[in-house]
C-alpha atoms as a PDB file:
ATOM      1  CA  MET A   1     -15.134 178.869 148.823  1.00  0.00           C
ATOM      2  CA  SER A   2     -15.469 182.172 150.642  1.00  0.00           C
ATOM      3  CA  ARG A   3     -18.400 184.496 150.359  1.00  0.00           C
ATOM      4  CA  PRO A   4     -17.886 187.855 148.669  1.00  0.00           C
ATOM      5  CA  ALA A   5     -17.630 190.873 150.922  1.00  0.00           C
ATOM      6  CA  ARG A   6     -20.816 192.822 151.443  1.00  0.00           C
ATOM      7  CA  PRO A   7     -20.940 196.349 150.042  1.00  0.00           C
ATOM      8  CA  PRO A   8     -20.852 199.056 152.704  1.00  0.00           C
ATOM      9  CA  SER A   9     -24.245 200.445 153.594  1.00  0.00           C
ATOM     10  CA  GLU A  10     -24.995 204.004 154.608  1.00  0.00           C
ATOM     11  CA  ASP A  11     -27.796 202.939 156.979  1.00  0.00           C
ATOM     12  CA  PRO A  12     -26.383 201.414 160.223  1.00  0.00           C
ATOM     13  CA  THR A  13     -29.688 199.626 160.872  1.00  0.00           C
ATOM     14  CA  ASP A  14     -29.473 197.797 157.536  1.00  0.00           C
ATOM     15  CA  PRO A  15     -29.022 194.041 158.208  1.00  0.00           C
ATOM     16  CA  ALA A  16     -26.477 193.866 155.394  1.00  0.00           C
ATOM     17  CA  ALA A  17     -24.275 196.304 157.335  1.00  0.00           C
ATOM     18  CA  LEU A  18     -24.050 193.964 160.334  1.00  0.00           C
ATOM     19  CA  PRO A  19     -21.160 191.532 160.661  1.00  0.00           C
ATOM     20  CA  PRO A  20     -22.073 187.995 159.574  1.00  0.00           C
ATOM     21  CA  SER A  21     -22.248 186.651 163.136  1.00  0.00           C
ATOM     22  CA  ALA A  22     -24.737 189.390 164.110  1.00  0.00           C
ATOM     23  CA  ASN A  23     -27.148 188.429 161.318  1.00  0.00           C
ATOM     24  CA  PRO A  24     -26.869 184.650 160.871  1.00  0.00           C
ATOM     25  CA  GLY A  25     -30.138 184.252 158.934  1.00  0.00           C
ATOM     26  CA  ASP A  26     -30.526 180.741 157.543  1.00  0.00           C
ATOM     27  CA  ASP A  27     -26.833 179.930 157.205  1.00  0.00           C
ATOM     28  CA  PRO A  28     -26.061 177.098 159.665  1.00  0.00           C
ATOM     29  CA  VAL A  29     -22.359 177.986 159.790  1.00  0.00           C
ATOM     30  CA  LEU A  30     -23.105 181.553 160.827  1.00  0.00           C
ATOM     31  CA  GLN A  31     -25.688 180.365 163.350  1.00  0.00           C
ATOM     32  CA  ARG A  32     -23.165 177.989 164.883  1.00  0.00           C
ATOM     33  CA  ARG A  33     -20.517 180.728 164.932  1.00  0.00           C
ATOM     34  CA  ALA A  34     -22.949 183.010 166.780  1.00  0.00           C
ATOM     35  CA  GLN A  35     -23.532 180.233 169.322  1.00  0.00           C
ATOM     36  CA  VAL A  36     -19.785 179.735 169.761  1.00  0.00           C
ATOM     37  CA  LEU A  37     -19.300 183.472 170.332  1.00  0.00           C
ATOM     38  CA  ALA A  38     -22.097 183.502 172.929  1.00  0.00           C
ATOM     39  CA  TRP A  39     -20.558 180.530 174.778  1.00  0.00           C
ATOM     40  CA  CYS A  40     -17.127 182.130 174.591  1.00  0.00           C
ATOM     41  CA  ASP A  41     -18.483 185.309 176.137  1.00  0.00           C
ATOM     42  CA  ARG A  42     -19.994 183.300 178.990  1.00  0.00           C
ATOM     43  CA  GLY A  43     -16.764 181.360 179.445  1.00  0.00           C
ATOM     44  CA  GLN A  44     -14.672 184.507 179.598  1.00  0.00           C
ATOM     45  CA  ARG A  45     -17.017 186.086 182.136  1.00  0.00           C
ATOM     46  CA  THR A  46     -16.949 182.925 184.247  1.00  0.00           C
ATOM     47  CA  GLY A  47     -13.152 182.733 184.061  1.00  0.00           C
ATOM     48  CA  TYR A  48     -12.721 186.365 185.071  1.00  0.00           C
ATOM     49  CA  ALA A  49     -15.215 185.861 187.914  1.00  0.00           C
ATOM     50  CA  CYS A  50     -13.240 182.865 189.195  1.00  0.00           C
ATOM     51  CA  PHE A  51      -9.978 184.843 189.062  1.00  0.00           C
ATOM     52  CA  GLY A  52     -11.590 187.777 190.864  1.00  0.00           C
ATOM     53  CA  LEU A  53     -13.025 185.517 193.560  1.00  0.00           C
ATOM     54  CA  ALA A  54      -9.626 183.844 193.969  1.00  0.00           C
ATOM     55  CA  MET A  55      -8.039 187.253 194.568  1.00  0.00           C
ATOM     56  CA  LEU A  56     -10.759 188.172 197.049  1.00  0.00           C
ATOM     57  CA  VAL A  57     -10.348 184.893 198.957  1.00  0.00           C
ATOM     58  CA  PHE A  58      -6.562 185.437 198.922  1.00  0.00           C
ATOM     59  CA  VAL A  59      -6.972 188.846 200.570  1.00  0.00           C
ATOM     60  CA  VAL A  60      -9.346 187.359 203.145  1.00  0.00           C
ATOM     61  CA  GLY A  61      -6.859 184.558 203.804  1.00  0.00           C
ATOM     62  CA  PHE A  62      -4.027 187.058 204.148  1.00  0.00           C
ATOM     63  CA  VAL A  63      -5.990 188.997 206.757  1.00  0.00           C
ATOM     64  CA  VAL A  64      -7.334 186.080 208.839  1.00  0.00           C
ATOM     65  CA  GLN A  65      -4.551 183.498 208.232  1.00  0.00           C
ATOM     66  CA  PHE A  66      -4.343 180.947 205.471  1.00  0.00           C
ATOM     67  CA  ARG A  67      -6.349 177.998 206.685  1.00  0.00           C
ATOM     68  CA  PRO A  68      -6.351 174.820 204.565  1.00  0.00           C
ATOM     69  CA  TRP A  69      -9.861 175.399 203.212  1.00  0.00           C
ATOM     70  CA  ILE A  70      -8.912 178.913 202.078  1.00  0.00           C
ATOM     71  CA  VAL A  71      -5.892 177.620 200.179  1.00  0.00           C
ATOM     72  CA  THR A  72      -7.988 174.833 198.631  1.00  0.00           C
ATOM     73  CA  THR A  73     -10.624 177.360 197.560  1.00  0.00           C
ATOM     74  CA  ILE A  74      -8.016 179.638 195.966  1.00  0.00           C
ATOM     75  CA  VAL A  75      -6.415 176.777 194.042  1.00  0.00           C
ATOM     76  CA  ALA A  76      -9.804 175.421 192.931  1.00  0.00           C
ATOM     77  CA  LEU A  77     -10.955 178.848 191.709  1.00  0.00           C
ATOM     78  CA  LEU A  78      -7.724 179.355 189.776  1.00  0.00           C
ATOM     79  CA  ALA A  79      -7.976 175.881 188.230  1.00  0.00           C
ATOM     80  CA  VAL A  80     -11.639 176.241 187.239  1.00  0.00           C
ATOM     81  CA  GLY A  81     -11.033 179.748 185.930  1.00  0.00           C
ATOM     82  CA  SER A  82      -8.134 178.559 183.776  1.00  0.00           C
ATOM     83  CA  ILE A  83      -9.992 175.507 182.471  1.00  0.00           C
ATOM     84  CA  VAL A  84     -12.943 177.678 181.415  1.00  0.00           C
ATOM     85  CA  PHE A  85     -11.133 180.849 180.353  1.00  0.00           C
ATOM     86  CA  ILE A  86      -8.378 179.509 178.083  1.00  0.00           C
ATOM     87  CA  PRO A  87     -10.623 177.615 175.609  1.00  0.00           C
ATOM     88  CA  ALA A  88     -13.115 180.505 175.621  1.00  0.00           C
ATOM     89  CA  VAL A  89     -10.402 182.928 174.529  1.00  0.00           C
ATOM     90  CA  ILE A  90      -9.046 180.577 171.856  1.00  0.00           C
ATOM     91  CA  PHE A  91     -12.434 179.707 170.333  1.00  0.00           C
ATOM     92  CA  GLY A  92     -13.628 183.318 170.577  1.00  0.00           C
ATOM     93  CA  TYR A  93     -10.523 184.517 168.776  1.00  0.00           C
ATOM     94  CA  ALA A  94     -11.051 181.886 166.063  1.00  0.00           C
ATOM     95  CA  ALA A  95     -14.718 182.824 165.547  1.00  0.00           C
ATOM     96  CA  LYS A  96     -13.868 186.526 165.343  1.00  0.00           C
ATOM     97  CA  ALA A  97     -11.103 185.795 162.832  1.00  0.00           C
ATOM     98  CA  ALA A  98     -13.569 183.779 160.730  1.00  0.00           C
ATOM     99  CA  ASP A  99     -15.955 186.756 160.766  1.00  0.00           C
ATOM    100  CA  LYS A 100     -13.154 189.023 159.577  1.00  0.00           C
ATOM    101  CA  GLU A 101     -12.286 186.599 156.809  1.00  0.00           C
ATOM    102  CA  ASP A 102     -15.924 186.434 155.697  1.00  0.00           C
ATOM    103  CA  ARG A 103     -16.001 190.234 155.502  1.00  0.00           C
ATOM    104  CA  GLY A 104     -12.854 190.206 153.392  1.00  0.00           C
ATOM    105  CA  GLU A 105     -10.656 191.978 155.944  1.00  0.00           C
ATOM    106  CA  LYS A 106      -6.971 191.169 156.257  1.00  0.00           C
ATOM    107  CA  PHE A 107      -5.749 189.032 159.103  1.00  0.00           C
ATOM    108  CA  GLY A 108      -4.104 190.861 161.977  1.00  0.00           C
ATOM    109  CA  TYR A 109      -1.952 187.953 163.115  1.00  0.00           C
END
């Protein structure tokens, strides 16, 4: 059973005006969703960092020659970035969609 949508508040500092994941209170589902969103944010940042480092190492390898350790580093960074980034995007998208559903908004997909 879904929760009814909260009435809009005029005061932006009112806790009722915040999305459910921003004000989890005592609801364990909302607390867990907030944790998932925090982990997803970390995962996306880590994935983007791995992709950026892989590009940087590629440029270095292009300039100084592609030695075996450079190629191994590029492949490892791309693999780790993909393993971390893809689930972070999927779970983050799911948690954000659940927030929208709790607020009574229509799905955009």
